[in-house]
Amino acid sequence: MIGETSAGDASELAWFKSSYSDSSNSNECVEVATAPDAVLVRDSKHAHGPHLALTPAAWAGFVPYAARR
C-alpha cells in the first residue's frame, strides 16, 4: 500500500466495477481505477469518500488471491 499517489484528484479517474458485480444491487460493490503509479480502490456507496491506493505489484498479488476466494 502507498501513502501518496500522483493520481491527482480521484474524481477525475476512470472508475469501474468488476464484471462479477451483482447488477441487482449496484451499491454493494467496490470500484477500481488505475493511475500511473497506483491502483485505487473505493466503496461504490461512498464515491467521494476515501480510497485505498495500492502499488501495481501489490494489486497484481492481490487479484489471484481474491480470485481463489
C-alpha atoms as a PDB file:
ATOM      1  CA  MET A   1       0.000   0.000   0.000  1.00  0.00           C
ATOM      2  CA  ILE A   2       1.217   3.505  -0.674  1.00  0.00           C
ATOM      3  CA  GLY A   3       0.520   6.660   1.275  1.00  0.00           C
ATOM      4  CA  GLU A   4       0.677   9.201  -1.508  1.00  0.00           C
ATOM      5  CA  THR A   5      -0.041   8.891  -5.190  1.00  0.00           C
ATOM      6  CA  SER A   6       0.394  11.236  -8.093  1.00  0.00           C
ATOM      7  CA  ALA A   7      -3.088  10.264  -9.274  1.00  0.00           C
ATOM      8  CA  GLY A   8      -4.279  13.774  -8.544  1.00  0.00           C
ATOM      9  CA  ASP A   9      -7.974  14.289  -7.898  1.00  0.00           C
ATOM     10  CA  ALA A  10      -9.533  10.828  -7.549  1.00  0.00           C
ATOM     11  CA  SER A  11     -12.816  12.104  -9.036  1.00  0.00           C
ATOM     12  CA  GLU A  12     -11.048  12.606 -12.383  1.00  0.00           C
ATOM     13  CA  LEU A  13     -10.093   8.927 -12.649  1.00  0.00           C
ATOM     14  CA  ALA A  14     -11.980   6.357 -14.720  1.00  0.00           C
ATOM     15  CA  TRP A  15     -13.540   4.151 -12.032  1.00  0.00           C
ATOM     16  CA  PHE A  16     -15.042   0.762 -12.953  1.00  0.00           C
ATOM     17  CA  LYS A  17     -16.739  -2.159 -11.252  1.00  0.00           C
ATOM     18  CA  SER A  18     -15.989  -5.825 -11.722  1.00  0.00           C
ATOM     19  CA  SER A  19     -17.969  -7.688 -14.345  1.00  0.00           C
ATOM     20  CA  TYR A  20     -18.809 -10.060 -11.480  1.00  0.00           C
ATOM     21  CA  SER A  21     -20.636  -7.323  -9.551  1.00  0.00           C
ATOM     22  CA  ASP A  22     -24.204  -8.077  -8.564  1.00  0.00           C
ATOM     23  CA  SER A  23     -26.248  -5.992 -11.008  1.00  0.00           C
ATOM     24  CA  SER A  24     -29.361  -6.298  -8.824  1.00  0.00           C
ATOM     25  CA  ASN A  25     -27.701  -4.197  -6.105  1.00  0.00           C
ATOM     26  CA  SER A  26     -25.163  -1.894  -7.715  1.00  0.00           C
ATOM     27  CA  ASN A  27     -24.488  -0.068  -4.437  1.00  0.00           C
ATOM     28  CA  GLU A  28     -22.722  -3.035  -2.838  1.00  0.00           C
ATOM     29  CA  CYS A  29     -19.508  -3.092  -4.784  1.00  0.00           C
ATOM     30  CA  VAL A  30     -16.005  -1.796  -4.833  1.00  0.00           C
ATOM     31  CA  GLU A  31     -14.711   0.241  -7.739  1.00  0.00           C
ATOM     32  CA  VAL A  32     -11.189   0.315  -9.138  1.00  0.00           C
ATOM     33  CA  ALA A  33      -9.239   2.964 -11.049  1.00  0.00           C
ATOM     34  CA  THR A  34      -5.698   2.927 -12.332  1.00  0.00           C
ATOM     35  CA  ALA A  35      -3.152   5.711 -12.170  1.00  0.00           C
ATOM     36  CA  PRO A  36       0.441   5.679 -13.422  1.00  0.00           C
ATOM     37  CA  ASP A  37       1.842   4.657 -10.026  1.00  0.00           C
ATOM     38  CA  ALA A  38      -1.141   3.112  -8.218  1.00  0.00           C
ATOM     39  CA  VAL A  39      -4.307   1.073  -8.379  1.00  0.00           C
ATOM     40  CA  LEU A  40      -7.036   2.759  -6.367  1.00  0.00           C
ATOM     41  CA  VAL A  41      -9.999   1.015  -4.730  1.00  0.00           C
ATOM     42  CA  ARG A  42     -13.092   2.665  -3.256  1.00  0.00           C
ATOM     43  CA  ASP A  43     -16.533   1.776  -1.903  1.00  0.00           C
ATOM     44  CA  SER A  44     -19.163   2.464  -4.567  1.00  0.00           C
ATOM     45  CA  LYS A  45     -21.574   3.719  -1.867  1.00  0.00           C
ATOM     46  CA  HIS A  46     -19.082   6.448  -0.927  1.00  0.00           C
ATOM     47  CA  ALA A  47     -17.652   7.513  -4.261  1.00  0.00           C
ATOM     48  CA  HIS A  48     -16.391  10.813  -2.856  1.00  0.00           C
ATOM     49  CA  GLY A  49     -15.039   9.217   0.296  1.00  0.00           C
ATOM     50  CA  PRO A  50     -11.609   7.745   0.964  1.00  0.00           C
ATOM     51  CA  HIS A  51      -9.916   5.285  -1.326  1.00  0.00           C
ATOM     52  CA  LEU A  52      -7.189   2.706  -0.888  1.00  0.00           C
ATOM     53  CA  ALA A  53      -4.089   3.123  -3.054  1.00  0.00           C
ATOM     54  CA  LEU A  54      -2.025   0.035  -3.837  1.00  0.00           C
ATOM     55  CA  THR A  55       1.190  -0.297  -5.760  1.00  0.00           C
ATOM     56  CA  PRO A  56       0.760  -2.124  -9.066  1.00  0.00           C
ATOM     57  CA  ALA A  57       2.818  -5.012  -7.636  1.00  0.00           C
ATOM     58  CA  ALA A  58       0.558  -5.287  -4.574  1.00  0.00           C
ATOM     59  CA  TRP A  59      -2.533  -5.274  -6.806  1.00  0.00           C
ATOM     60  CA  ALA A  60      -1.024  -7.946  -9.060  1.00  0.00           C
ATOM     61  CA  GLY A  61      -0.507 -10.115  -5.982  1.00  0.00           C
ATOM     62  CA  PHE A  62      -3.988  -9.467  -4.613  1.00  0.00           C
ATOM     63  CA  VAL A  63      -6.032 -10.308  -7.730  1.00  0.00           C
ATOM     64  CA  PRO A  64      -5.088 -14.028  -7.928  1.00  0.00           C
ATOM     65  CA  TYR A  65      -5.608 -14.324  -4.164  1.00  0.00           C
ATOM     66  CA  ALA A  66      -9.107 -12.803  -4.391  1.00  0.00           C
ATOM     67  CA  ALA A  67      -9.997 -14.953  -7.399  1.00  0.00           C
ATOM     68  CA  ARG A  68      -9.423 -18.088  -5.297  1.00  0.00           C
ATOM     69  CA  ARG A  69     -11.872 -16.930  -2.600  1.00  0.00           C
END
